[in-house]
Amino acid sequence: MTSDPDGDDRFVAPPRWVGPSADPADEQFGDVVDSTTLAATDHDAVLVGEPYDGAVIGRRGAADAPAAIREELAALKTRHLAGSTPPTLGDLGDVVVSDGDVAAVQRGLAETTRAVHALDALPVFLGGDNSLTVANVTPLLDRDVGVVNLDAHLDVRRVRDGPTSGTPYRQLHDAGLAGYVCLGARHFETAGPYVDTLDEWGWQAVPAEAVGGGGVEGAVDRALDALSEVETLYVSVDCDVLDAAAAPGVSAPTPGGLSTRELFGIVRQLCADPRLRGVEVVECAPPLDASGRTVAAAARVVAHALAGTAVDADTGAESAEVTG
């Protein structure tokens, strides 16, 4: 990437998007994504890269994810089987991450994300580590926002020597987050006091096994029912919500997680909610996965999120209602 030619020093200009297929029937995301700027965009949704992993508690590598997700997404076909018209998609490029400690990075980035949220377009943030959720959600706190966090962990650790990738939702709670559901949480992966904290705050965790037992639709219903009173919805996808076999390239891979098929269906249905004001994919670490499975899943999460926002022009039905 190069600096933004329009002079916005908050972003590094995005790469040129190209679909790699030579088949003229293959419309790929690389054929339809436009490079854009805050001043010029008129797209339905915009990509925002956040190449930072300075707050990771465990293994690093998530700073490489925005570029890798873009490359994988460029090769995906744009057509969902429902036939819904995909939203127009622009790419603002990667944010310029300020120097300093994690708290300073969060504060600086929040100023940039505030400008992104001021657009009419839906922001799709490509992380980066989970600490950036604070910056991505903070500009929405005046809108009575609730978060569905697709994650193996609750991420409500106490802030001790500064924020980490394990503290974002405690920080957001203290700043006024109206509601929270962790969907896909794992047993035996979170300290007992933090589970108790969730109960004290009236927040909820839906374990991964509930998806297998009650199905995707039941899990989504539980999450949205818990957030039925909030005005605004934000969806965060931490790639470690997937089973370790499906996503080894994360900071803390664990068994017992969601399948990719379950995750895609959940994301699609959540993103069909008309209150949606932002989506992020975090904690994808390409250097930790030589097979490329984690990046492949992360890029498809973006595609399914966009499909969820699309409304069929003829029937008015969200593509998320299509099974499979």
Protein backbone atom coordinates (compact mmCIF):
# COMPACT_ATOMS: atom_id res chain seq x y z
CA MET A 1 0.00 0.00 0.00
CA THR A 2 0.98 3.63 -0.49
CA SER A 3 -0.06 6.82 1.25
CA ASP A 4 -3.54 8.12 0.45
CA PRO A 5 -3.24 10.20 -2.75
CA ASP A 6 -6.13 12.45 -1.62
CA GLY A 7 -4.12 13.63 1.36
CA ASP A 8 -6.03 11.96 4.21
CA ASP A 9 -3.17 11.08 6.52
CA ARG A 10 -5.42 8.82 8.59
CA PHE A 11 -5.30 6.09 5.94
CA VAL A 12 -2.85 4.28 3.73
CA ALA A 13 -4.35 3.91 0.25
CA PRO A 14 -5.77 0.44 -0.47
CA PRO A 15 -4.31 -1.94 -3.04
CA ARG A 16 -5.76 -2.23 -6.51
CA TRP A 17 -8.51 -4.85 -6.50
CA VAL A 18 -8.37 -7.47 -9.25
CA GLY A 19 -10.32 -10.70 -9.61
CA PRO A 20 -7.81 -13.45 -10.49
CA SER A 21 -10.18 -15.59 -12.59
CA ALA A 22 -9.92 -15.48 -16.39
CA ASP A 23 -13.46 -16.83 -16.81
CA PRO A 24 -15.72 -13.93 -17.89
CA ALA A 25 -18.63 -15.54 -16.03
CA ASP A 26 -16.80 -15.21 -12.73
CA GLU A 27 -17.71 -11.94 -11.06
CA GLN A 28 -15.38 -11.83 -8.06
CA PHE A 29 -15.03 -9.31 -5.29
CA GLY A 30 -11.78 -8.26 -6.92
CA ASP A 31 -13.86 -7.10 -9.88
CA VAL A 32 -16.33 -4.98 -7.91
CA VAL A 33 -14.56 -3.46 -4.88
CA ASP A 34 -13.56 0.16 -5.43
CA SER A 35 -10.81 2.10 -3.74
CA THR A 36 -12.41 5.06 -2.04
CA THR A 37 -11.94 7.82 0.54
CA LEU A 38 -13.96 9.25 3.41
CA ALA A 39 -14.71 12.35 1.33
CA ALA A 40 -15.74 10.56 -1.84
CA THR A 41 -17.42 7.27 -0.91
CA ASP A 42 -21.04 6.61 -1.82
CA HIS A 43 -20.90 2.83 -1.24
CA ASP A 44 -23.26 0.70 0.82
CA ALA A 45 -20.35 -0.69 2.84
CA VAL A 46 -16.66 0.11 3.27
CA LEU A 47 -13.66 -1.97 4.29
CA VAL A 48 -11.28 -0.54 6.88
CA GLY A 49 -8.01 -2.35 7.54
CA GLU A 50 -6.55 -2.22 11.06
CA PRO A 51 -3.05 -3.78 10.96
CA TYR A 52 -2.23 -3.86 14.66
CA ASP A 53 -1.59 -6.66 17.14
CA GLY A 54 0.32 -4.88 19.89
CA ALA A 55 -2.22 -5.83 22.56
CA VAL A 56 -2.30 -9.59 21.97
CA ILE A 57 -1.91 -11.64 25.13
CA GLY A 58 -0.70 -14.75 23.31
CA ARG A 59 0.69 -15.33 19.83
CA ARG A 60 0.93 -12.38 17.45
CA GLY A 61 0.34 -12.22 13.70
CA ALA A 62 -3.02 -10.45 13.39
CA ALA A 63 -1.35 -7.31 12.03
CA ASP A 64 -0.89 -9.22 8.75
CA ALA A 65 -4.59 -10.05 8.43
CA PRO A 66 -6.02 -7.04 6.55
CA ALA A 67 -3.83 -7.62 3.50
CA ALA A 68 -4.35 -11.39 3.57
CA ILE A 69 -8.14 -11.11 3.95
CA ARG A 70 -8.32 -8.68 1.04
CA GLU A 71 -6.34 -11.04 -1.17
CA GLU A 72 -8.60 -13.98 -0.30
CA LEU A 73 -11.78 -11.93 -0.65
CA ALA A 74 -10.73 -10.70 -4.10
CA ALA A 75 -10.92 -14.27 -5.42
CA LEU A 76 -14.39 -15.04 -4.01
CA LYS A 77 -17.45 -14.94 -6.24
CA THR A 78 -19.91 -12.18 -5.38
CA ARG A 79 -23.04 -14.33 -5.80
CA HIS A 80 -24.85 -15.75 -2.78
CA LEU A 81 -27.15 -18.63 -3.72
CA ALA A 82 -30.17 -16.56 -2.66
CA GLY A 83 -29.53 -14.33 -5.64
CA SER A 84 -29.73 -11.15 -3.58
CA THR A 85 -28.08 -8.08 -5.02
CA PRO A 86 -24.76 -7.62 -3.20
CA PRO A 87 -24.15 -4.22 -1.61
CA THR A 88 -21.67 -1.90 -3.26
CA LEU A 89 -18.33 -2.12 -1.49
CA GLY A 90 -15.52 0.39 -1.19
CA ASP A 91 -12.11 0.04 0.43
CA LEU A 92 -10.81 2.95 2.51
CA GLY A 93 -7.44 1.27 2.99
CA ASP A 94 -5.58 0.64 6.24
CA VAL A 95 -5.76 3.07 9.13
CA VAL A 96 -2.51 4.65 10.21
CA VAL A 97 -1.91 3.34 13.72
CA SER A 98 -0.45 5.91 16.07
CA ASP A 99 2.63 5.32 18.17
CA GLY A 100 2.33 4.73 21.87
CA ASP A 101 0.89 2.21 24.27
CA VAL A 102 -2.33 0.28 23.68
CA ALA A 103 -4.52 2.91 25.36
CA ALA A 104 -3.05 5.61 23.12
CA VAL A 105 -3.63 3.45 20.04
CA GLN A 106 -7.26 2.94 21.07
CA ARG A 107 -7.81 6.67 21.60
CA GLY A 108 -6.18 7.66 18.34
CA LEU A 109 -7.96 5.04 16.31
CA ALA A 110 -11.33 5.99 17.81
CA GLU A 111 -11.00 9.43 16.22
CA THR A 112 -10.61 7.78 12.83
CA THR A 113 -13.42 5.29 13.34
CA ARG A 114 -15.70 8.13 14.43
CA ALA A 115 -15.29 9.62 10.95
CA VAL A 116 -15.95 6.20 9.40
CA HIS A 117 -19.15 5.73 11.41
CA ALA A 118 -20.32 9.18 10.28
CA LEU A 119 -20.63 7.82 6.74
CA ASP A 120 -23.88 6.36 5.44
CA ALA A 121 -21.90 3.21 4.57
CA LEU A 122 -21.69 0.15 6.84
CA PRO A 123 -18.11 -0.19 8.15
CA VAL A 124 -16.47 -3.61 7.95
CA PHE A 125 -13.29 -3.52 10.02
CA LEU A 126 -10.51 -5.97 9.17
CA GLY A 127 -8.38 -6.46 12.28
CA GLY A 128 -6.03 -6.61 13.87
CA ASP A 129 -6.36 -7.72 17.45
CA ASN A 130 -9.39 -7.60 19.73
CA SER A 131 -8.24 -4.49 21.61
CA LEU A 132 -9.31 -2.47 18.56
CA THR A 133 -12.95 -3.31 19.30
CA VAL A 134 -12.83 -0.49 21.83
CA ALA A 135 -11.98 2.03 19.12
CA ASN A 136 -14.49 0.53 16.68
CA VAL A 137 -17.44 0.61 19.09
CA THR A 138 -16.73 3.75 21.12
CA PRO A 139 -18.20 6.14 18.50
CA LEU A 140 -21.50 4.21 18.72
CA LEU A 141 -21.91 4.45 22.49
CA ASP A 142 -24.21 7.45 22.20
CA ARG A 143 -26.65 5.29 20.20
CA ASP A 144 -27.54 2.69 22.86
CA VAL A 145 -25.44 -0.01 21.23
CA GLY A 146 -25.26 -3.73 21.94
CA VAL A 147 -22.54 -6.11 20.73
CA VAL A 148 -22.80 -9.72 19.64
CA ASN A 149 -19.28 -11.01 20.19
CA LEU A 150 -18.62 -14.28 18.35
CA ASP A 151 -15.71 -15.46 20.45
CA ALA A 152 -14.33 -18.38 22.43
CA HIS A 153 -13.58 -15.97 25.30
CA LEU A 154 -15.57 -13.32 27.15
CA ASP A 155 -12.83 -10.66 27.00
CA VAL A 156 -13.87 -8.90 30.21
CA ARG A 157 -10.53 -9.14 32.01
CA ARG A 158 -9.61 -6.37 34.41
CA VAL A 159 -7.36 -3.64 33.04
CA ARG A 160 -4.23 -3.87 35.14
CA ASP A 161 -1.06 -2.64 33.44
CA GLY A 162 -3.00 -1.26 30.49
CA PRO A 163 -5.54 -2.61 28.00
CA THR A 164 -4.99 -5.91 26.21
CA SER A 165 -6.86 -8.05 23.71
CA GLY A 166 -8.61 -9.57 26.73
CA THR A 167 -10.07 -6.32 28.16
CA PRO A 168 -12.20 -4.69 25.43
CA TYR A 169 -15.64 -5.43 26.81
CA ARG A 170 -14.79 -4.38 30.36
CA GLN A 171 -13.54 -1.10 28.90
CA LEU A 172 -16.71 -0.71 26.84
CA HIS A 173 -18.92 -1.64 29.79
CA ASP A 174 -17.28 1.07 31.87
CA ALA A 175 -17.82 3.51 28.98
CA GLY A 176 -21.55 2.74 28.75
CA LEU A 177 -22.07 -0.26 26.46
CA ALA A 178 -25.80 -1.05 26.68
CA GLY A 179 -25.70 -4.80 26.03
CA TYR A 180 -23.50 -7.75 25.20
CA VAL A 181 -23.79 -11.37 24.20
CA CYS A 182 -20.80 -13.68 23.73
CA LEU A 183 -21.91 -16.32 21.24
CA GLY A 184 -19.66 -19.35 20.87
CA ALA A 185 -18.02 -19.15 24.29
CA ARG A 186 -16.08 -22.22 25.45
CA HIS A 187 -16.29 -23.94 28.79
CA PHE A 188 -13.02 -24.04 30.76
CA GLU A 189 -11.47 -21.13 28.82
CA THR A 190 -12.50 -18.20 31.05
CA ALA A 191 -11.67 -17.60 34.73
CA GLY A 192 -14.60 -17.99 37.09
CA PRO A 193 -14.62 -14.38 38.34
CA TYR A 194 -15.11 -13.14 34.78
CA VAL A 195 -18.06 -15.47 34.27
CA ASP A 196 -19.50 -14.02 37.47
CA THR A 197 -18.84 -10.51 36.15
CA LEU A 198 -21.02 -11.21 33.13
CA ASP A 199 -23.85 -12.30 35.42
CA GLU A 200 -23.45 -9.19 37.59
CA TRP A 201 -23.72 -6.95 34.57
CA GLY A 202 -26.75 -8.75 33.16
CA TRP A 203 -24.83 -9.79 30.07
CA GLN A 204 -25.07 -13.23 28.49
CA ALA A 205 -22.88 -16.00 27.10
CA VAL A 206 -24.21 -18.58 24.65
CA PRO A 207 -21.79 -21.54 24.62
CA ALA A 208 -20.61 -23.07 21.38
CA GLU A 209 -22.35 -26.34 22.19
CA ALA A 210 -25.70 -24.51 22.17
CA VAL A 211 -25.24 -23.90 18.47
CA GLY A 212 -24.78 -27.61 17.87
CA GLY A 213 -27.71 -28.48 20.09
CA GLY A 214 -30.23 -25.81 19.14
CA GLY A 215 -29.01 -24.94 15.68
CA VAL A 216 -27.86 -21.68 14.15
CA GLU A 217 -31.30 -20.11 14.17
CA GLY A 218 -31.83 -20.86 17.86
CA ALA A 219 -28.47 -19.40 18.81
CA VAL A 220 -29.10 -16.23 16.81
CA ASP A 221 -32.55 -15.88 18.38
CA ARG A 222 -31.02 -16.14 21.87
CA ALA A 223 -28.49 -13.44 21.07
CA LEU A 224 -30.95 -11.04 19.49
CA ASP A 225 -33.56 -11.61 22.20
CA ALA A 226 -30.98 -10.60 24.79
CA LEU A 227 -30.34 -7.39 22.83
CA SER A 228 -33.94 -6.68 21.89
CA GLU A 229 -33.97 -3.34 23.71
CA VAL A 230 -30.86 -1.79 22.17
CA GLU A 231 -31.11 0.73 19.37
CA THR A 232 -27.92 -0.20 17.52
CA LEU A 233 -26.20 -3.53 16.85
CA TYR A 234 -22.51 -4.25 16.30
CA VAL A 235 -21.17 -7.68 15.33
CA SER A 236 -17.64 -8.75 16.26
CA VAL A 237 -16.13 -11.98 14.93
CA ASP A 238 -13.02 -13.20 16.72
CA CYS A 239 -11.69 -16.01 14.55
CA ASP A 240 -10.95 -18.14 17.61
CA VAL A 241 -14.71 -18.76 17.88
CA LEU A 242 -14.03 -21.41 15.25
CA ASP A 243 -12.81 -24.84 16.23
CA ALA A 244 -9.03 -25.08 16.25
CA ALA A 245 -9.17 -27.52 13.33
CA ALA A 246 -10.92 -24.89 11.21
CA ALA A 247 -8.88 -21.89 12.38
CA PRO A 248 -5.42 -22.75 13.67
CA GLY A 249 -4.13 -19.29 12.79
CA VAL A 250 -5.36 -17.43 15.86
CA SER A 251 -3.70 -16.29 19.06
CA ALA A 252 -5.47 -18.89 21.21
CA PRO A 253 -6.86 -21.83 19.21
CA THR A 254 -9.01 -24.26 21.21
CA PRO A 255 -11.13 -27.32 20.44
CA GLY A 256 -14.90 -27.39 20.75
CA GLY A 257 -15.64 -24.35 18.62
CA LEU A 258 -18.03 -23.55 15.83
CA SER A 259 -17.71 -25.01 12.37
CA THR A 260 -17.22 -22.60 9.49
CA ARG A 261 -20.68 -23.46 8.20
CA GLU A 262 -22.23 -22.58 11.57
CA LEU A 263 -20.29 -19.33 11.76
CA PHE A 264 -21.24 -18.23 8.27
CA GLY A 265 -24.92 -18.87 8.93
CA ILE A 266 -24.83 -17.00 12.23
CA VAL A 267 -23.07 -14.00 10.73
CA ARG A 268 -25.45 -13.85 7.79
CA GLN A 269 -28.49 -13.87 10.06
CA LEU A 270 -27.10 -11.34 12.52
CA CYS A 271 -26.18 -8.97 9.72
CA ALA A 272 -29.72 -9.06 8.38
CA ASP A 273 -30.82 -7.14 11.50
CA PRO A 274 -31.79 -3.59 10.45
CA ARG A 275 -30.10 -2.14 13.55
CA LEU A 276 -26.65 -3.21 12.31
CA ARG A 277 -24.11 -0.37 12.30
CA GLY A 278 -20.79 -2.18 12.12
CA VAL A 279 -18.97 -5.49 11.67
CA GLU A 280 -15.44 -6.53 12.47
CA VAL A 281 -13.24 -9.59 11.93
CA VAL A 282 -10.40 -9.80 14.44
CA GLU A 283 -7.67 -12.13 15.69
CA CYS A 284 -6.89 -13.77 12.35
CA ALA A 285 -3.13 -14.37 12.30
CA PRO A 286 -1.98 -15.57 8.85
CA PRO A 287 1.63 -16.31 9.87
CA LEU A 288 0.34 -18.91 12.34
CA ASP A 289 -1.50 -20.94 9.69
CA ALA A 290 0.54 -22.21 6.75
CA SER A 291 -2.56 -23.95 5.36
CA GLY A 292 -4.43 -20.66 4.89
CA ARG A 293 -7.63 -22.05 6.43
CA THR A 294 -8.04 -19.20 8.89
CA VAL A 295 -7.74 -16.45 6.29
CA ALA A 296 -10.08 -18.36 3.99
CA ALA A 297 -12.68 -18.44 6.76
CA ALA A 298 -12.17 -14.77 7.68
CA ALA A 299 -12.69 -13.58 4.10
CA ARG A 300 -15.86 -15.64 3.81
CA VAL A 301 -17.15 -14.14 7.05
CA VAL A 302 -16.93 -10.76 5.31
CA ALA A 303 -18.79 -12.10 2.27
CA HIS A 304 -21.54 -13.63 4.41
CA ALA A 305 -21.87 -10.45 6.45
CA LEU A 306 -22.42 -8.48 3.26
CA ALA A 307 -24.92 -11.08 2.04
CA GLY A 308 -26.83 -10.66 5.29
CA THR A 309 -27.22 -6.94 4.69
CA ALA A 310 -28.50 -7.44 1.15
CA VAL A 311 -32.24 -7.38 0.54
CA ASP A 312 -33.74 -9.18 -2.44
CA ALA A 313 -35.14 -6.49 -4.71
CA ASP A 314 -38.10 -8.61 -5.77
CA THR A 315 -39.21 -10.32 -2.57
CA GLY A 316 -37.77 -8.03 0.13
CA ALA A 317 -36.41 -11.11 1.90
CA GLU A 318 -32.98 -11.03 3.47
CA SER A 319 -30.54 -13.53 2.05
CA ALA A 320 -29.97 -14.72 5.60
CA GLU A 321 -33.28 -16.57 5.39
CA VAL A 322 -31.86 -18.97 2.85
CA THR A 323 -30.83 -22.24 4.47
CA GLY A 324 -27.40 -23.76 4.07
